[in-house]
Amino acid sequence: MTSALHKLSRIGSDPIRSAPPDFPGLVEAFGVHDAGQLRCLLELKNGFYAFESALHVLSDSGEANENGLFAWNSEALWRKEYKGMAGSAVFVAGK
């Protein structure tokens, strides 16, 4: 994990989810390699907002009013509309 990501997590909001990330779920959804990278980020903070909420780093499974990584990266939500152009990329943030 880079020092820039550590700094970003420190200046960001409180974690969206207080629970630790669901590592087995991350592996199932994204594979071992991507899950390992996501775990490093989500163990710093399991989702957060930064830059006056201009950046939203998704938590693993979201909360009542927002999607998490599992839902946001599912084929059913929006990816199917792009007919494969989203490829195997894992989208972790947005706004």
N, C-alpha and C. Protein backbone atom coordinates (compact mmCIF):
# COMPACT_ATOMS: atom_id res chain seq x y z
N MET A 1 0.86 -1.17 0.00
CA MET A 1 0.00 0.00 0.00
C MET A 1 0.91 1.23 0.00
N THR A 2 0.62 2.14 -0.88
CA THR A 2 1.46 3.32 -1.02
C THR A 2 1.18 4.33 0.09
N SER A 3 2.16 5.18 0.32
CA SER A 3 1.98 6.23 1.33
C SER A 3 0.87 7.19 0.90
N ALA A 4 0.67 7.35 -0.42
CA ALA A 4 -0.40 8.23 -0.89
C ALA A 4 -1.77 7.69 -0.48
N LEU A 5 -1.98 6.38 -0.56
CA LEU A 5 -3.26 5.81 -0.13
C LEU A 5 -3.44 5.90 1.38
N HIS A 6 -2.36 5.73 2.11
CA HIS A 6 -2.44 5.92 3.57
C HIS A 6 -2.86 7.36 3.88
N LYS A 7 -2.25 8.31 3.20
CA LYS A 7 -2.58 9.72 3.42
C LYS A 7 -4.03 9.99 3.04
N LEU A 8 -4.47 9.47 1.90
CA LEU A 8 -5.84 9.66 1.46
C LEU A 8 -6.82 9.10 2.49
N SER A 9 -6.55 7.92 3.02
CA SER A 9 -7.45 7.35 4.01
C SER A 9 -7.47 8.18 5.30
N ARG A 10 -6.34 8.76 5.65
CA ARG A 10 -6.28 9.58 6.87
C ARG A 10 -7.08 10.87 6.73
N ILE A 11 -7.06 11.48 5.54
CA ILE A 11 -7.77 12.74 5.38
C ILE A 11 -9.25 12.53 5.05
N GLY A 12 -9.62 11.29 4.75
CA GLY A 12 -11.00 10.99 4.41
C GLY A 12 -11.90 10.94 5.64
N SER A 13 -13.17 10.74 5.39
CA SER A 13 -14.18 10.67 6.45
C SER A 13 -13.97 9.43 7.31
N ASP A 14 -14.81 9.30 8.31
CA ASP A 14 -14.86 8.06 9.07
C ASP A 14 -15.25 6.93 8.12
N PRO A 15 -14.93 5.68 8.48
CA PRO A 15 -15.31 4.57 7.61
C PRO A 15 -16.83 4.49 7.40
N ILE A 16 -17.23 4.11 6.21
CA ILE A 16 -18.65 3.91 5.93
C ILE A 16 -19.17 2.72 6.71
N ARG A 17 -18.39 1.65 6.73
CA ARG A 17 -18.75 0.45 7.51
C ARG A 17 -17.73 0.26 8.61
N SER A 18 -18.21 -0.01 9.81
CA SER A 18 -17.29 -0.26 10.91
C SER A 18 -16.82 -1.70 10.93
N ALA A 19 -17.54 -2.59 10.25
CA ALA A 19 -17.15 -4.00 10.20
C ALA A 19 -15.91 -4.18 9.33
N PRO A 20 -15.08 -5.16 9.66
CA PRO A 20 -13.93 -5.43 8.79
C PRO A 20 -14.39 -5.94 7.44
N PRO A 21 -13.56 -5.78 6.41
CA PRO A 21 -13.96 -6.24 5.08
C PRO A 21 -14.17 -7.76 5.05
N ASP A 22 -15.08 -8.18 4.22
CA ASP A 22 -15.41 -9.60 4.03
C ASP A 22 -14.42 -10.20 3.03
N PHE A 23 -13.27 -10.64 3.53
CA PHE A 23 -12.23 -11.13 2.62
C PHE A 23 -12.67 -12.35 1.83
N PRO A 24 -13.31 -13.37 2.43
CA PRO A 24 -13.78 -14.49 1.60
C PRO A 24 -14.74 -14.04 0.50
N GLY A 25 -15.60 -13.09 0.79
CA GLY A 25 -16.51 -12.56 -0.22
C GLY A 25 -15.77 -11.82 -1.32
N LEU A 26 -14.72 -11.08 -0.94
CA LEU A 26 -13.91 -10.37 -1.93
C LEU A 26 -13.22 -11.35 -2.87
N VAL A 27 -12.67 -12.44 -2.29
CA VAL A 27 -12.01 -13.46 -3.12
C VAL A 27 -13.01 -14.09 -4.08
N GLU A 28 -14.19 -14.42 -3.58
CA GLU A 28 -15.21 -15.04 -4.43
C GLU A 28 -15.63 -14.11 -5.57
N ALA A 29 -15.80 -12.84 -5.25
CA ALA A 29 -16.29 -11.88 -6.25
C ALA A 29 -15.21 -11.41 -7.23
N PHE A 30 -13.97 -11.25 -6.75
CA PHE A 30 -12.96 -10.57 -7.56
C PHE A 30 -11.68 -11.37 -7.79
N GLY A 31 -11.56 -12.53 -7.19
CA GLY A 31 -10.35 -13.34 -7.33
C GLY A 31 -9.32 -12.98 -6.28
N VAL A 32 -8.35 -13.87 -6.10
CA VAL A 32 -7.36 -13.73 -5.03
C VAL A 32 -6.52 -12.46 -5.18
N HIS A 33 -6.03 -12.18 -6.38
CA HIS A 33 -5.15 -11.03 -6.58
C HIS A 33 -5.86 -9.71 -6.27
N ASP A 34 -6.99 -9.48 -6.91
CA ASP A 34 -7.72 -8.22 -6.68
C ASP A 34 -8.22 -8.13 -5.25
N ALA A 35 -8.66 -9.25 -4.69
CA ALA A 35 -9.14 -9.25 -3.30
C ALA A 35 -8.02 -8.85 -2.35
N GLY A 36 -6.81 -9.30 -2.62
CA GLY A 36 -5.68 -8.92 -1.77
C GLY A 36 -5.41 -7.43 -1.79
N GLN A 37 -5.50 -6.84 -2.98
CA GLN A 37 -5.29 -5.39 -3.08
C GLN A 37 -6.44 -4.63 -2.42
N LEU A 38 -7.66 -5.09 -2.64
CA LEU A 38 -8.81 -4.44 -2.01
C LEU A 38 -8.73 -4.55 -0.49
N ARG A 39 -8.29 -5.69 -0.01
CA ARG A 39 -8.20 -5.89 1.44
C ARG A 39 -7.27 -4.86 2.07
N CYS A 40 -6.14 -4.59 1.42
CA CYS A 40 -5.20 -3.59 1.96
C CYS A 40 -5.88 -2.23 2.10
N LEU A 41 -6.63 -1.83 1.09
CA LEU A 41 -7.33 -0.54 1.13
C LEU A 41 -8.45 -0.56 2.16
N LEU A 42 -9.27 -1.60 2.13
CA LEU A 42 -10.45 -1.65 3.01
C LEU A 42 -10.09 -1.88 4.47
N GLU A 43 -8.92 -2.43 4.75
CA GLU A 43 -8.50 -2.55 6.14
C GLU A 43 -8.07 -1.21 6.71
N LEU A 44 -7.66 -0.27 5.85
CA LEU A 44 -7.39 1.08 6.33
C LEU A 44 -8.70 1.73 6.76
N LYS A 45 -9.67 1.69 5.86
CA LYS A 45 -11.04 2.16 6.12
C LYS A 45 -11.95 1.41 5.17
N ASN A 46 -13.01 0.86 5.70
CA ASN A 46 -13.95 0.10 4.87
C ASN A 46 -14.94 1.07 4.22
N GLY A 47 -14.43 1.79 3.23
CA GLY A 47 -15.19 2.81 2.53
C GLY A 47 -15.08 4.15 3.23
N PHE A 48 -15.01 5.21 2.43
CA PHE A 48 -14.94 6.56 3.00
C PHE A 48 -15.16 7.59 1.91
N TYR A 49 -15.35 8.82 2.34
CA TYR A 49 -15.47 9.97 1.44
C TYR A 49 -14.26 10.86 1.67
N ALA A 50 -13.82 11.54 0.61
CA ALA A 50 -12.71 12.49 0.73
C ALA A 50 -12.97 13.68 -0.20
N PHE A 51 -12.21 14.73 0.01
CA PHE A 51 -12.28 15.93 -0.81
C PHE A 51 -13.71 16.48 -0.86
N GLU A 52 -14.23 16.73 0.33
CA GLU A 52 -15.58 17.28 0.49
C GLU A 52 -16.62 16.43 -0.25
N SER A 53 -16.45 15.12 -0.14
CA SER A 53 -17.34 14.11 -0.73
C SER A 53 -17.27 14.03 -2.25
N ALA A 54 -16.25 14.64 -2.86
CA ALA A 54 -16.08 14.52 -4.30
C ALA A 54 -15.59 13.12 -4.68
N LEU A 55 -14.94 12.42 -3.75
CA LEU A 55 -14.47 11.06 -3.97
C LEU A 55 -15.17 10.15 -2.99
N HIS A 56 -15.75 9.09 -3.50
CA HIS A 56 -16.42 8.09 -2.68
C HIS A 56 -15.73 6.75 -2.91
N VAL A 57 -14.96 6.30 -1.94
CA VAL A 57 -14.33 4.99 -1.99
C VAL A 57 -15.35 4.02 -1.39
N LEU A 58 -15.77 3.05 -2.19
CA LEU A 58 -16.83 2.13 -1.78
C LEU A 58 -16.37 1.19 -0.67
N SER A 59 -17.28 0.87 0.23
CA SER A 59 -17.02 -0.17 1.21
C SER A 59 -17.29 -1.53 0.56
N ASP A 60 -17.00 -2.61 1.26
CA ASP A 60 -17.20 -3.92 0.64
C ASP A 60 -18.66 -4.20 0.32
N SER A 61 -19.54 -4.06 1.29
CA SER A 61 -20.94 -4.42 1.02
C SER A 61 -21.91 -3.26 1.18
N GLY A 62 -21.42 -2.07 1.33
CA GLY A 62 -22.29 -0.90 1.35
C GLY A 62 -23.08 -0.76 2.64
N GLU A 63 -24.01 0.16 2.60
CA GLU A 63 -24.90 0.45 3.72
C GLU A 63 -26.30 0.62 3.16
N ALA A 64 -27.23 0.99 3.99
CA ALA A 64 -28.64 1.04 3.60
C ALA A 64 -28.90 1.90 2.37
N ASN A 65 -28.26 3.04 2.25
CA ASN A 65 -28.57 3.97 1.16
C ASN A 65 -27.51 4.03 0.07
N GLU A 66 -26.58 3.08 0.05
CA GLU A 66 -25.55 3.10 -0.98
C GLU A 66 -25.03 1.71 -1.27
N ASN A 67 -24.61 1.52 -2.50
CA ASN A 67 -24.04 0.24 -2.92
C ASN A 67 -22.61 0.12 -2.42
N GLY A 68 -22.19 -1.09 -2.20
CA GLY A 68 -20.80 -1.40 -1.92
C GLY A 68 -20.14 -2.01 -3.14
N LEU A 69 -18.92 -2.48 -2.97
CA LEU A 69 -18.17 -3.06 -4.08
C LEU A 69 -18.88 -4.24 -4.72
N PHE A 70 -19.48 -5.10 -3.90
CA PHE A 70 -20.14 -6.29 -4.45
C PHE A 70 -21.27 -5.90 -5.39
N ALA A 71 -22.14 -5.04 -4.95
CA ALA A 71 -23.29 -4.63 -5.78
C ALA A 71 -22.84 -3.78 -6.97
N TRP A 72 -21.94 -2.83 -6.74
CA TRP A 72 -21.54 -1.90 -7.79
C TRP A 72 -20.84 -2.62 -8.94
N ASN A 73 -20.11 -3.66 -8.64
CA ASN A 73 -19.38 -4.39 -9.68
C ASN A 73 -20.14 -5.58 -10.23
N SER A 74 -21.36 -5.79 -9.80
CA SER A 74 -22.14 -6.92 -10.31
C SER A 74 -22.61 -6.64 -11.73
N GLU A 75 -22.77 -7.68 -12.48
CA GLU A 75 -23.26 -7.57 -13.86
C GLU A 75 -24.67 -7.00 -13.89
N ALA A 76 -25.46 -7.32 -12.89
CA ALA A 76 -26.88 -6.95 -12.89
C ALA A 76 -27.12 -5.45 -12.71
N LEU A 77 -26.20 -4.73 -12.08
CA LEU A 77 -26.48 -3.33 -11.75
C LEU A 77 -26.34 -2.41 -12.96
N TRP A 78 -25.17 -2.36 -13.57
CA TRP A 78 -24.96 -1.44 -14.70
C TRP A 78 -24.04 -2.00 -15.78
N ARG A 79 -23.20 -2.95 -15.43
CA ARG A 79 -22.18 -3.45 -16.35
C ARG A 79 -22.77 -4.06 -17.62
N LYS A 80 -23.92 -4.72 -17.50
CA LYS A 80 -24.52 -5.37 -18.67
C LYS A 80 -24.82 -4.37 -19.78
N GLU A 81 -25.10 -3.13 -19.41
CA GLU A 81 -25.41 -2.10 -20.41
C GLU A 81 -24.20 -1.75 -21.27
N TYR A 82 -23.01 -2.05 -20.79
CA TYR A 82 -21.78 -1.72 -21.51
C TYR A 82 -21.28 -2.88 -22.37
N LYS A 83 -22.02 -3.98 -22.38
CA LYS A 83 -21.77 -5.11 -23.28
C LYS A 83 -20.30 -5.54 -23.31
N GLY A 84 -19.72 -5.74 -22.13
CA GLY A 84 -18.35 -6.23 -22.04
C GLY A 84 -17.26 -5.17 -22.02
N MET A 85 -17.59 -3.92 -22.30
CA MET A 85 -16.56 -2.87 -22.34
C MET A 85 -15.95 -2.60 -20.97
N ALA A 86 -16.65 -2.94 -19.89
CA ALA A 86 -16.10 -2.74 -18.55
C ALA A 86 -15.09 -3.84 -18.22
N GLY A 87 -15.07 -4.89 -19.02
CA GLY A 87 -14.10 -5.96 -18.86
C GLY A 87 -14.11 -6.55 -17.47
N SER A 88 -12.94 -6.90 -17.00
CA SER A 88 -12.82 -7.50 -15.67
C SER A 88 -12.36 -6.49 -14.63
N ALA A 89 -12.40 -5.22 -14.98
CA ALA A 89 -11.97 -4.17 -14.05
C ALA A 89 -12.85 -4.17 -12.80
N VAL A 90 -12.25 -3.82 -11.67
CA VAL A 90 -12.98 -3.68 -10.42
C VAL A 90 -13.03 -2.19 -10.12
N PHE A 91 -14.24 -1.66 -10.05
CA PHE A 91 -14.44 -0.24 -9.80
C PHE A 91 -14.60 -0.02 -8.31
N VAL A 92 -13.70 0.79 -7.73
CA VAL A 92 -13.64 0.94 -6.27
C VAL A 92 -14.10 2.30 -5.77
N ALA A 93 -14.26 3.26 -6.66
CA ALA A 93 -14.59 4.61 -6.21
C ALA A 93 -15.36 5.34 -7.31
N GLY A 94 -15.95 6.43 -6.93
CA GLY A 94 -16.66 7.26 -7.89
C GLY A 94 -17.25 8.48 -7.22
N LYS A 95 -18.03 9.18 -7.97
CA LYS A 95 -18.84 10.29 -7.46
C LYS A 95 -19.56 10.94 -8.58
